[in-house]
PDB file of all heavy atoms in Angstrom:
ATOM      1  N   PHE A   1     -80.381 126.112  25.906  1.00  0.00           N
ATOM      2  CA  PHE A   1     -79.916 127.286  25.164  1.00  0.00           C
ATOM      3  C   PHE A   1     -79.981 127.063  23.661  1.00  0.00           C
ATOM      4  O   PHE A   1     -80.326 127.969  22.902  1.00  0.00           O
ATOM      5  CB  PHE A   1     -78.488 127.637  25.593  1.00  0.00           C
ATOM      6  CG  PHE A   1     -77.903 128.793  24.833  1.00  0.00           C
ATOM      7  CD1 PHE A   1     -78.361 130.090  25.036  1.00  0.00           C
ATOM      8  CD2 PHE A   1     -76.903 128.586  23.890  1.00  0.00           C
ATOM      9  CE1 PHE A   1     -77.828 131.161  24.329  1.00  0.00           C
ATOM     10  CE2 PHE A   1     -76.364 129.645  23.184  1.00  0.00           C
ATOM     11  CZ  PHE A   1     -76.819 130.933  23.404  1.00  0.00           C
ATOM     12  N   GLU A   2     -79.657 125.850  23.205  1.00  0.00           N
ATOM     13  CA  GLU A   2     -79.685 125.584  21.763  1.00  0.00           C
ATOM     14  C   GLU A   2     -81.098 125.707  21.204  1.00  0.00           C
ATOM     15  O   GLU A   2     -81.303 126.222  20.105  1.00  0.00           O
ATOM     16  CB  GLU A   2     -79.122 124.187  21.483  1.00  0.00           C
ATOM     17  CG  GLU A   2     -77.606 124.097  21.612  1.00  0.00           C
ATOM     18  CD  GLU A   2     -76.887 125.037  20.663  1.00  0.00           C
ATOM     19  OE1 GLU A   2     -77.273 125.115  19.487  1.00  0.00           O
ATOM     20  OE2 GLU A   2     -75.934 125.711  21.106  1.00  0.00           O
ATOM     21  N   GLU A   3     -82.088 125.216  21.956  1.00  0.00           N
ATOM     22  CA  GLU A   3     -83.477 125.330  21.507  1.00  0.00           C
ATOM     23  C   GLU A   3     -83.934 126.785  21.536  1.00  0.00           C
ATOM     24  O   GLU A   3     -84.652 127.247  20.645  1.00  0.00           O
ATOM     25  CB  GLU A   3     -84.388 124.468  22.385  1.00  0.00           C
ATOM     26  CG  GLU A   3     -85.789 124.311  21.816  1.00  0.00           C
ATOM     27  CD  GLU A   3     -86.625 123.310  22.585  1.00  0.00           C
ATOM     28  OE1 GLU A   3     -86.112 122.701  23.553  1.00  0.00           O
ATOM     29  OE2 GLU A   3     -87.806 123.129  22.213  1.00  0.00           O
ATOM     30  N   PHE A   4     -83.502 127.529  22.567  1.00  0.00           N
ATOM     31  CA  PHE A   4     -83.780 128.961  22.629  1.00  0.00           C
ATOM     32  C   PHE A   4     -83.183 129.671  21.418  1.00  0.00           C
ATOM     33  O   PHE A   4     -83.836 130.516  20.785  1.00  0.00           O
ATOM     34  CB  PHE A   4     -83.188 129.520  23.928  1.00  0.00           C
ATOM     35  CG  PHE A   4     -83.152 131.025  24.012  1.00  0.00           C
ATOM     36  CD1 PHE A   4     -84.310 131.758  24.262  1.00  0.00           C
ATOM     37  CD2 PHE A   4     -81.951 131.713  23.851  1.00  0.00           C
ATOM     38  CE1 PHE A   4     -84.268 133.153  24.348  1.00  0.00           C
ATOM     39  CE2 PHE A   4     -81.897 133.097  23.943  1.00  0.00           C
ATOM     40  CZ  PHE A   4     -83.066 133.813  24.183  1.00  0.00           C
ATOM     41  N   LYS A   5     -81.958 129.346  21.088  1.00  0.00           N
ATOM     42  CA  LYS A   5     -81.280 129.948  19.934  1.00  0.00           C
ATOM     43  C   LYS A   5     -82.061 129.686  18.652  1.00  0.00           C
ATOM     44  O   LYS A   5     -82.305 130.606  17.850  1.00  0.00           O
ATOM     45  CB  LYS A   5     -79.862 129.377  19.823  1.00  0.00           C
ATOM     46  CG  LYS A   5     -79.056 129.874  18.638  1.00  0.00           C
ATOM     47  CD  LYS A   5     -77.659 129.249  18.667  1.00  0.00           C
ATOM     48  CE  LYS A   5     -76.825 129.699  17.480  1.00  0.00           C
ATOM     49  NZ  LYS A   5     -75.456 129.104  17.520  1.00  0.00           N
ATOM     50  N   GLU A   6     -82.472 128.446  18.452  1.00  0.00           N
ATOM     51  CA  GLU A   6     -83.228 128.088  17.248  1.00  0.00           C
ATOM     52  C   GLU A   6     -84.564 128.817  17.194  1.00  0.00           C
ATOM     53  O   GLU A   6     -84.953 129.367  16.151  1.00  0.00           O
ATOM     54  CB  GLU A   6     -83.450 126.576  17.214  1.00  0.00           C
ATOM     55  CG  GLU A   6     -84.257 126.093  16.013  1.00  0.00           C
ATOM     56  CD  GLU A   6     -84.495 124.594  16.032  1.00  0.00           C
ATOM     57  OE1 GLU A   6     -83.880 123.897  16.861  1.00  0.00           O
ATOM     58  OE2 GLU A   6     -85.313 124.118  15.227  1.00  0.00           O
ATOM     59  N   ASN A   7     -85.272 128.850  18.307  1.00  0.00           N
ATOM     60  CA  ASN A   7     -86.595 129.476  18.341  1.00  0.00           C
ATOM     61  C   ASN A   7     -86.540 130.979  18.121  1.00  0.00           C
ATOM     62  O   ASN A   7     -87.346 131.550  17.379  1.00  0.00           O
ATOM     63  CB  ASN A   7     -87.287 129.172  19.676  1.00  0.00           C
ATOM     64  CG  ASN A   7     -87.760 127.743  19.772  1.00  0.00           C
ATOM     65  OD1 ASN A   7     -87.932 127.069  18.762  1.00  0.00           O
ATOM     66  ND2 ASN A   7     -87.971 127.260  20.987  1.00  0.00           N
ATOM     67  N   ILE A   8     -85.563 131.640  18.771  1.00  0.00           N
ATOM     68  CA  ILE A   8     -85.527 133.091  18.684  1.00  0.00           C
ATOM     69  C   ILE A   8     -85.041 133.548  17.309  1.00  0.00           C
ATOM     70  O   ILE A   8     -85.489 134.581  16.795  1.00  0.00           O
ATOM     71  CB  ILE A   8     -84.660 133.686  19.816  1.00  0.00           C
ATOM     72  CG1 ILE A   8     -84.982 135.162  20.013  1.00  0.00           C
ATOM     73  CG2 ILE A   8     -83.185 133.480  19.570  1.00  0.00           C
ATOM     74  CD1 ILE A   8     -84.349 135.773  21.241  1.00  0.00           C
ATOM     75  N   LEU A   9     -84.172 132.770  16.679  1.00  0.00           N
ATOM     76  CA  LEU A   9     -83.717 133.129  15.334  1.00  0.00           C
ATOM     77  C   LEU A   9     -84.822 132.925  14.303  1.00  0.00           C
ATOM     78  O   LEU A   9     -84.908 133.666  13.315  1.00  0.00           O
ATOM     79  CB  LEU A   9     -82.491 132.305  14.951  1.00  0.00           C
ATOM     80  CG  LEU A   9     -81.163 132.725  15.603  1.00  0.00           C
ATOM     81  CD1 LEU A   9     -80.066 131.720  15.280  1.00  0.00           C
ATOM     82  CD2 LEU A   9     -80.755 134.128  15.166  1.00  0.00           C
ATOM     83  N   LYS A  10     -85.690 131.932  14.529  1.00  0.00           N
ATOM     84  CA  LYS A  10     -86.796 131.675  13.608  1.00  0.00           C
ATOM     85  C   LYS A  10     -88.028 132.513  13.924  1.00  0.00           C
ATOM     86  O   LYS A  10     -89.008 132.476  13.182  1.00  0.00           O
ATOM     87  CB  LYS A  10     -87.165 130.191  13.640  1.00  0.00           C
ATOM     88  CG  LYS A  10     -86.103 129.284  13.033  1.00  0.00           C
ATOM     89  CD  LYS A  10     -86.552 127.835  13.043  1.00  0.00           C
ATOM     90  CE  LYS A  10     -85.515 126.937  12.371  1.00  0.00           C
ATOM     91  NZ  LYS A  10     -85.929 125.498  12.397  1.00  0.00           N
ATOM     92  N   GLY A  11     -87.978 133.280  15.018  1.00  0.00           N
ATOM     93  CA  GLY A  11     -89.108 134.113  15.390  1.00  0.00           C
ATOM     94  C   GLY A  11     -90.328 133.327  15.822  1.00  0.00           C
ATOM     95  O   GLY A  11     -91.461 133.779  15.658  1.00  0.00           O
ATOM     96  N   LYS A  12     -90.102 132.149  16.421  1.00  0.00           N
ATOM     97  CA  LYS A  12     -91.221 131.313  16.857  1.00  0.00           C
ATOM     98  C   LYS A  12     -91.925 131.923  18.063  1.00  0.00           C
ATOM     99  O   LYS A  12     -91.306 132.585  18.892  1.00  0.00           O
ATOM    100  CB  LYS A  12     -90.727 129.907  17.210  1.00  0.00           C
ATOM    101  CG  LYS A  12     -90.347 129.067  16.005  1.00  0.00           C
ATOM    102  CD  LYS A  12     -90.037 127.635  16.416  1.00  0.00           C
ATOM    103  CE  LYS A  12     -89.743 126.764  15.214  1.00  0.00           C
ATOM    104  NZ  LYS A  12     -89.448 125.360  15.605  1.00  0.00           N
ATOM    105  N   ASN A  13     -93.219 131.682  18.154  1.00  0.00           N
ATOM    106  CA  ASN A  13     -94.003 132.155  19.291  1.00  0.00           C
ATOM    107  C   ASN A  13     -93.671 131.291  20.511  1.00  0.00           C
ATOM    108  O   ASN A  13     -93.892 130.083  20.508  1.00  0.00           O
ATOM    109  CB  ASN A  13     -95.496 132.072  18.972  1.00  0.00           C
ATOM    110  CG  ASN A  13     -96.356 132.588  20.108  1.00  0.00           C
ATOM    111  OD1 ASN A  13     -95.867 133.196  21.052  1.00  0.00           O
ATOM    112  ND2 ASN A  13     -97.644 132.355  20.015  1.00  0.00           N
ATOM    113  N   MET A  14     -93.126 131.888  21.552  1.00  0.00           N
ATOM    114  CA  MET A  14     -92.731 131.149  22.744  1.00  0.00           C
ATOM    115  C   MET A  14     -93.673 131.405  23.920  1.00  0.00           C
ATOM    116  O   MET A  14     -93.342 131.110  25.063  1.00  0.00           O
ATOM    117  CB  MET A  14     -91.288 131.492  23.113  1.00  0.00           C
ATOM    118  CG  MET A  14     -90.283 130.899  22.153  1.00  0.00           C
ATOM    119  SD  MET A  14     -88.548 131.176  22.626  1.00  0.00           S
ATOM    120  CE  MET A  14     -88.164 132.597  21.619  1.00  0.00           C
ATOM    121  N   PHE A  15     -94.856 131.974  23.634  1.00  0.00           N
ATOM    122  CA  PHE A  15     -95.837 132.267  24.680  1.00  0.00           C
ATOM    123  C   PHE A  15     -96.911 131.183  24.752  1.00  0.00           C
ATOM    124  O   PHE A  15     -97.181 130.485  23.777  1.00  0.00           O
ATOM    125  CB  PHE A  15     -96.512 133.616  24.417  1.00  0.00           C
ATOM    126  CG  PHE A  15     -95.606 134.799  24.591  1.00  0.00           C
ATOM    127  CD1 PHE A  15     -94.971 135.380  23.501  1.00  0.00           C
ATOM    128  CD2 PHE A  15     -95.377 135.338  25.844  1.00  0.00           C
ATOM    129  CE1 PHE A  15     -94.140 136.467  23.648  1.00  0.00           C
ATOM    130  CE2 PHE A  15     -94.543 136.430  26.011  1.00  0.00           C
ATOM    131  CZ  PHE A  15     -93.931 136.999  24.911  1.00  0.00           C
ATOM    132  N   SER A  16     -97.518 131.082  25.917  1.00  0.00           N
ATOM    133  CA  SER A  16     -98.640 130.166  26.135  1.00  0.00           C
ATOM    134  C   SER A  16     -99.807 130.933  26.735  1.00  0.00           C
ATOM    135  O   SER A  16     -99.616 131.896  27.481  1.00  0.00           O
ATOM    136  CB  SER A  16     -98.229 129.035  27.100  1.00  0.00           C
ATOM    137  OG  SER A  16     -97.078 128.371  26.633  1.00  0.00           O
ATOM    138  N   LYS A  17    -101.019 130.501  26.431  1.00  0.00           N
ATOM    139  CA  LYS A  17    -102.213 131.153  26.987  1.00  0.00           C
ATOM    140  C   LYS A  17    -102.417 130.740  28.439  1.00  0.00           C
ATOM    141  O   LYS A  17    -102.184 129.594  28.810  1.00  0.00           O
ATOM    142  CB  LYS A  17    -103.452 130.794  26.167  1.00  0.00           C
ATOM    143  CG  LYS A  17    -103.507 131.454  24.795  1.00  0.00           C
ATOM    144  CD  LYS A  17    -104.825 131.180  24.110  1.00  0.00           C
ATOM    145  CE  LYS A  17    -104.922 131.900  22.773  1.00  0.00           C
ATOM    146  NZ  LYS A  17    -106.212 131.649  22.092  1.00  0.00           N
ATOM    147  N   VAL A  18    -102.858 131.702  29.251  1.00  0.00           N
ATOM    148  CA  VAL A  18    -103.111 131.460  30.670  1.00  0.00           C
ATOM    149  C   VAL A  18    -104.454 132.076  31.032  1.00  0.00           C
ATOM    150  O   VAL A  18    -104.718 133.241  30.709  1.00  0.00           O
ATOM    151  CB  VAL A  18    -102.007 132.079  31.561  1.00  0.00           C
ATOM    152  CG1 VAL A  18    -102.325 131.848  33.027  1.00  0.00           C
ATOM    153  CG2 VAL A  18    -100.653 131.506  31.207  1.00  0.00           C
ATOM    154  N   ASP A  19    -105.309 131.305  31.676  1.00  0.00           N
ATOM    155  CA  ASP A  19    -106.594 131.827  32.158  1.00  0.00           C
ATOM    156  C   ASP A  19    -106.400 132.450  33.534  1.00  0.00           C
ATOM    157  O   ASP A  19    -105.845 131.829  34.436  1.00  0.00           O
ATOM    158  CB  ASP A  19    -107.640 130.719  32.247  1.00  0.00           C
ATOM    159  CG  ASP A  19    -108.031 130.192  30.872  1.00  0.00           C
ATOM    160  OD1 ASP A  19    -108.058 131.004  29.930  1.00  0.00           O
ATOM    161  OD2 ASP A  19    -108.286 128.983  30.757  1.00  0.00           O
ATOM    162  N   ILE A  20    -106.872 133.685  33.690  1.00  0.00           N
ATOM    163  CA  ILE A  20    -106.808 134.391  34.970  1.00  0.00           C
ATOM    164  C   ILE A  20    -108.225 134.829  35.335  1.00  0.00           C
ATOM    165  O   ILE A  20    -109.128 134.778  34.489  1.00  0.00           O
ATOM    166  CB  ILE A  20    -105.847 135.590  34.908  1.00  0.00           C
ATOM    167  CG1 ILE A  20    -106.290 136.590  33.818  1.00  0.00           C
ATOM    168  CG2 ILE A  20    -104.430 135.123  34.641  1.00  0.00           C
ATOM    169  CD1 ILE A  20    -105.446 137.848  33.773  1.00  0.00           C
ATOM    170  N   PRO A  21    -108.456 135.256  36.572  1.00  0.00           N
ATOM    171  CA  PRO A  21    -109.818 135.578  37.006  1.00  0.00           C
ATOM    172  C   PRO A  21    -110.546 136.572  36.110  1.00  0.00           C
ATOM    173  O   PRO A  21    -111.754 136.477  35.929  1.00  0.00           O
ATOM    174  CB  PRO A  21    -109.597 136.149  38.411  1.00  0.00           C
ATOM    175  CG  PRO A  21    -108.355 135.501  38.887  1.00  0.00           C
ATOM    176  CD  PRO A  21    -107.487 135.358  37.683  1.00  0.00           C
ATOM    177  N   SER A  22    -109.808 137.518  35.540  1.00  0.00           N
ATOM    178  CA  SER A  22    -110.479 138.549  34.749  1.00  0.00           C
ATOM    179  C   SER A  22    -110.418 138.295  33.253  1.00  0.00           C
ATOM    180  O   SER A  22    -110.725 139.161  32.451  1.00  0.00           O
ATOM    181  CB  SER A  22    -109.850 139.912  35.053  1.00  0.00           C
ATOM    182  OG  SER A  22    -108.457 139.868  34.822  1.00  0.00           O
ATOM    183  N   GLY A  23    -109.999 137.100  32.853  1.00  0.00           N
ATOM    184  CA  GLY A  23    -109.953 136.814  31.419  1.00  0.00           C
ATOM    185  C   GLY A  23    -108.800 135.890  31.077  1.00  0.00           C
ATOM    186  O   GLY A  23    -108.439 135.009  31.841  1.00  0.00           O
ATOM    187  N   THR A  24    -108.240 136.118  29.913  1.00  0.00           N
ATOM    188  CA  THR A  24    -107.136 135.295  29.430  1.00  0.00           C
ATOM    189  C   THR A  24    -105.963 136.181  29.047  1.00  0.00           C
ATOM    190  O   THR A  24    -106.140 137.232  28.439  1.00  0.00           O
ATOM    191  CB  THR A  24    -107.571 134.459  28.202  1.00  0.00           C
ATOM    192  OG1 THR A  24    -108.648 133.615  28.566  1.00  0.00           O
ATOM    193  CG2 THR A  24    -106.415 133.605  27.698  1.00  0.00           C
ATOM    194  N   THR A  25    -104.787 135.757  29.413  1.00  0.00           N
ATOM    195  CA  THR A  25    -103.580 136.470  29.019  1.00  0.00           C
ATOM    196  C   THR A  25    -102.577 135.446  28.499  1.00  0.00           C
ATOM    197  O   THR A  25    -102.916 134.283  28.282  1.00  0.00           O
ATOM    198  CB  THR A  25    -103.003 137.267  30.207  1.00  0.00           C
ATOM    199  OG1 THR A  25    -101.907 138.049  29.742  1.00  0.00           O
ATOM    200  CG2 THR A  25    -102.543 136.344  31.315  1.00  0.00           C
ATOM    201  N   VAL A  26    -101.376 135.872  28.261  1.00  0.00           N
ATOM    202  CA  VAL A  26    -100.337 134.956  27.809  1.00  0.00           C
ATOM    203  C   VAL A  26     -99.108 135.140  28.688  1.00  0.00           C
ATOM    204  O   VAL A  26     -98.906 136.194  29.282  1.00  0.00           O
ATOM    205  CB  VAL A  26     -99.961 135.197  26.328  1.00  0.00           C
ATOM    206  CG1 VAL A  26    -101.119 134.847  25.415  1.00  0.00           C
ATOM    207  CG2 VAL A  26     -99.512 136.633  26.102  1.00  0.00           C
ATOM    208  N   LYS A  27     -98.303 134.106  28.763  1.00  0.00           N
ATOM    209  CA  LYS A  27     -97.033 134.213  29.479  1.00  0.00           C
ATOM    210  C   LYS A  27     -96.043 133.251  28.845  1.00  0.00           C
ATOM    211  O   LYS A  27     -96.399 132.350  28.083  1.00  0.00           O
ATOM    212  CB  LYS A  27     -97.207 133.912  30.963  1.00  0.00           C
ATOM    213  CG  LYS A  27     -97.367 132.435  31.317  1.00  0.00           C
ATOM    214  CD  LYS A  27     -97.300 132.219  32.831  1.00  0.00           C
ATOM    215  CE  LYS A  27     -97.358 130.736  33.167  1.00  0.00           C
ATOM    216  NZ  LYS A  27     -97.222 130.478  34.612  1.00  0.00           N
ATOM    217  N   GLY A  28     -94.782 133.460  29.160  1.00  0.00           N
ATOM    218  CA  GLY A  28     -93.746 132.554  28.696  1.00  0.00           C
ATOM    219  C   GLY A  28     -93.480 131.501  29.744  1.00  0.00           C
ATOM    220  O   GLY A  28     -93.030 131.821  30.844  1.00  0.00           O
ATOM    221  N   SER A  29     -93.781 130.241  29.434  1.00  0.00           N
ATOM    222  CA  SER A  29     -93.680 129.167  30.427  1.00  0.00           C
ATOM    223  C   SER A  29     -92.579 128.182  30.075  1.00  0.00           C
ATOM    224  O   SER A  29     -92.418 127.791  28.914  1.00  0.00           O
ATOM    225  CB  SER A  29     -95.008 128.399  30.520  1.00  0.00           C
ATOM    226  OG  SER A  29     -96.063 129.259  30.888  1.00  0.00           O
ATOM    227  N   ILE A  30     -91.817 127.785  31.094  1.00  0.00           N
ATOM    228  CA  ILE A  30     -90.837 126.718  30.917  1.00  0.00           C
ATOM    229  C   ILE A  30     -91.574 125.395  30.766  1.00  0.00           C
ATOM    230  O   ILE A  30     -92.530 125.118  31.487  1.00  0.00           O
ATOM    231  CB  ILE A  30     -89.868 126.678  32.114  1.00  0.00           C
ATOM    232  CG1 ILE A  30     -88.970 127.923  32.108  1.00  0.00           C
ATOM    233  CG2 ILE A  30     -89.013 125.423  32.087  1.00  0.00           C
ATOM    234  CD1 ILE A  30     -87.999 127.993  33.261  1.00  0.00           C
ATOM    235  N   LYS A  31     -91.098 124.546  29.864  1.00  0.00           N
ATOM    236  CA  LYS A  31     -91.835 123.327  29.537  1.00  0.00           C
ATOM    237  C   LYS A  31     -91.739 122.248  30.610  1.00  0.00           C
ATOM    238  O   LYS A  31     -92.726 121.613  30.952  1.00  0.00           O
ATOM    239  CB  LYS A  31     -91.314 122.772  28.198  1.00  0.00           C
ATOM    240  CG  LYS A  31     -91.664 123.622  26.998  1.00  0.00           C
ATOM    241  CD  LYS A  31     -91.442 122.887  25.684  1.00  0.00           C
ATOM    242  CE  LYS A  31     -89.978 122.664  25.401  1.00  0.00           C
ATOM    243  NZ  LYS A  31     -89.772 122.079  24.038  1.00  0.00           N
ATOM    244  N   THR A  32     -90.542 122.022  31.137  1.00  0.00           N
ATOM    245  CA  THR A  32     -90.339 120.889  32.047  1.00  0.00           C
ATOM    246  C   THR A  32     -89.788 121.373  33.384  1.00  0.00           C
ATOM    247  O   THR A  32     -88.682 121.909  33.438  1.00  0.00           O
ATOM    248  CB  THR A  32     -89.356 119.872  31.428  1.00  0.00           C
ATOM    249  OG1 THR A  32     -89.838 119.474  30.148  1.00  0.00           O
ATOM    250  CG2 THR A  32     -89.225 118.650  32.324  1.00  0.00           C
ATOM    251  N   ILE A  33     -90.570 121.177  34.439  1.00  0.00           N
ATOM    252  CA  ILE A  33     -90.115 121.604  35.770  1.00  0.00           C
ATOM    253  C   ILE A  33     -90.245 120.495  36.815  1.00  0.00           C
ATOM    254  O   ILE A  33     -89.856 120.690  37.963  1.00  0.00           O
ATOM    255  CB  ILE A  33     -90.915 122.836  36.260  1.00  0.00           C
ATOM    256  CG1 ILE A  33     -92.397 122.474  36.414  1.00  0.00           C
ATOM    257  CG2 ILE A  33     -90.728 124.017  35.338  1.00  0.00           C
ATOM    258  CD1 ILE A  33     -93.208 123.538  37.121  1.00  0.00           C
ATOM    259  N   ASP A  34     -90.758 119.332  36.419  1.00  0.00           N
ATOM    260  CA  ASP A  34     -91.106 118.319  37.415  1.00  0.00           C
ATOM    261  C   ASP A  34     -90.095 117.176  37.480  1.00  0.00           C
ATOM    262  O   ASP A  34     -90.386 116.107  37.991  1.00  0.00           O
ATOM    263  CB  ASP A  34     -92.501 117.761  37.130  1.00  0.00           C
ATOM    264  CG  ASP A  34     -92.633 117.165  35.730  1.00  0.00           C
ATOM    265  OD1 ASP A  34     -91.700 117.359  34.915  1.00  0.00           O
ATOM    266  OD2 ASP A  34     -93.648 116.507  35.456  1.00  0.00           O
ATOM    267  N   ARG A  35     -88.879 117.399  36.954  1.00  0.00           N
ATOM    268  CA  ARG A  35     -87.867 116.351  37.004  1.00  0.00           C
ATOM    269  C   ARG A  35     -86.628 116.887  37.705  1.00  0.00           C
ATOM    270  O   ARG A  35     -86.190 117.998  37.434  1.00  0.00           O
ATOM    271  CB  ARG A  35     -87.491 115.891  35.585  1.00  0.00           C
ATOM    272  CG  ARG A  35     -88.680 115.418  34.764  1.00  0.00           C
ATOM    273  CD  ARG A  35     -88.263 115.183  33.322  1.00  0.00           C
ATOM    274  NE  ARG A  35     -89.423 114.926  32.463  1.00  0.00           N
ATOM    275  CZ  ARG A  35     -89.364 114.849  31.147  1.00  0.00           C
ATOM    276  NH1 ARG A  35     -88.195 115.014  30.538  1.00  0.00           N
ATOM    277  NH2 ARG A  35     -90.447 114.621  30.440  1.00  0.00           N
ATOM    278  N   PHE A  36     -86.069 116.084  38.590  1.00  0.00           N
ATOM    279  CA  PHE A  36     -84.846 116.497  39.271  1.00  0.00           C
ATOM    280  C   PHE A  36     -84.113 115.264  39.761  1.00  0.00           C
ATOM    281  O   PHE A  36     -84.666 114.470  40.521  1.00  0.00           O
ATOM    282  CB  PHE A  36     -85.161 117.429  40.449  1.00  0.00           C
ATOM    283  CG  PHE A  36     -83.930 117.928  41.161  1.00  0.00           C
ATOM    284  CD1 PHE A  36     -82.972 118.668  40.485  1.00  0.00           C
ATOM    285  CD2 PHE A  36     -83.728 117.652  42.508  1.00  0.00           C
ATOM    286  CE1 PHE A  36     -81.833 119.133  41.137  1.00  0.00           C
ATOM    287  CE2 PHE A  36     -82.598 118.114  43.170  1.00  0.00           C
ATOM    288  CZ  PHE A  36     -81.652 118.851  42.479  1.00  0.00           C
ATOM    289  N   ASP A  37     -82.886 115.078  39.324  1.00  0.00           N
ATOM    290  CA  ASP A  37     -82.060 113.938  39.711  1.00  0.00           C
ATOM    291  C   ASP A  37     -81.306 114.290  40.987  1.00  0.00           C
ATOM    292  O   ASP A  37     -80.135 114.645  40.968  1.00  0.00           O
ATOM    293  CB  ASP A  37     -81.098 113.620  38.567  1.00  0.00           C
ATOM    294  CG  ASP A  37     -80.334 112.325  38.786  1.00  0.00           C
ATOM    295  OD1 ASP A  37     -80.534 111.687  39.840  1.00  0.00           O
ATOM    296  OD2 ASP A  37     -79.529 111.951  37.912  1.00  0.00           O
ATOM    297  N   HIS A  38     -82.014 114.197  42.119  1.00  0.00           N
ATOM    298  CA  HIS A  38     -81.456 114.728  43.360  1.00  0.00           C
ATOM    299  C   HIS A  38     -80.220 113.973  43.842  1.00  0.00           C
ATOM    300  O   HIS A  38     -79.333 114.554  44.466  1.00  0.00           O
ATOM    301  CB  HIS A  38     -82.532 114.749  44.461  1.00  0.00           C
ATOM    302  CG  HIS A  38     -83.088 113.399  44.802  1.00  0.00           C
ATOM    303  ND1 HIS A  38     -84.063 112.795  44.048  1.00  0.00           N
ATOM    304  CD2 HIS A  38     -82.820 112.555  45.823  1.00  0.00           C
ATOM    305  CE1 HIS A  38     -84.371 111.631  44.586  1.00  0.00           C
ATOM    306  NE2 HIS A  38     -83.636 111.458  45.664  1.00  0.00           N
ATOM    307  N   THR A  39     -80.128 112.670  43.549  1.00  0.00           N
ATOM    308  CA  THR A  39     -78.967 111.928  44.035  1.00  0.00           C
ATOM    309  C   THR A  39     -77.684 112.367  43.344  1.00  0.00           C
ATOM    310  O   THR A  39     -76.590 112.230  43.902  1.00  0.00           O
ATOM    311  CB  THR A  39     -79.166 110.413  43.841  1.00  0.00           C
ATOM    312  OG1 THR A  39     -79.379 110.140  42.442  1.00  0.00           O
ATOM    313  CG2 THR A  39     -80.376 109.930  44.644  1.00  0.00           C
ATOM    314  N   PHE A  40     -77.788 112.886  42.135  1.00  0.00           N
ATOM    315  CA  PHE A  40     -76.613 113.391  41.431  1.00  0.00           C
ATOM    316  C   PHE A  40     -75.979 114.547  42.196  1.00  0.00           C
ATOM    317  O   PHE A  40     -74.773 114.743  42.156  1.00  0.00           O
ATOM    318  CB  PHE A  40     -76.999 113.838  40.021  1.00  0.00           C
ATOM    319  CG  PHE A  40     -75.835 114.341  39.205  1.00  0.00           C
ATOM    320  CD1 PHE A  40     -74.908 113.456  38.681  1.00  0.00           C
ATOM    321  CD2 PHE A  40     -75.666 115.697  38.971  1.00  0.00           C
ATOM    322  CE1 PHE A  40     -73.829 113.913  37.934  1.00  0.00           C
ATOM    323  CE2 PHE A  40     -74.586 116.164  38.228  1.00  0.00           C
ATOM    324  CZ  PHE A  40     -73.666 115.265  37.711  1.00  0.00           C
TER     325      PHE A  40
END
């Protein structure tokens, strides 16, 4: 949330380019999804 707060107040671009079958578009992607401390 703190990074979101900083980015949105500064008007930073939070989109990433994505290639799709009919061309290129953009989407908002979460940076880290491959970590999970399951034993916790």
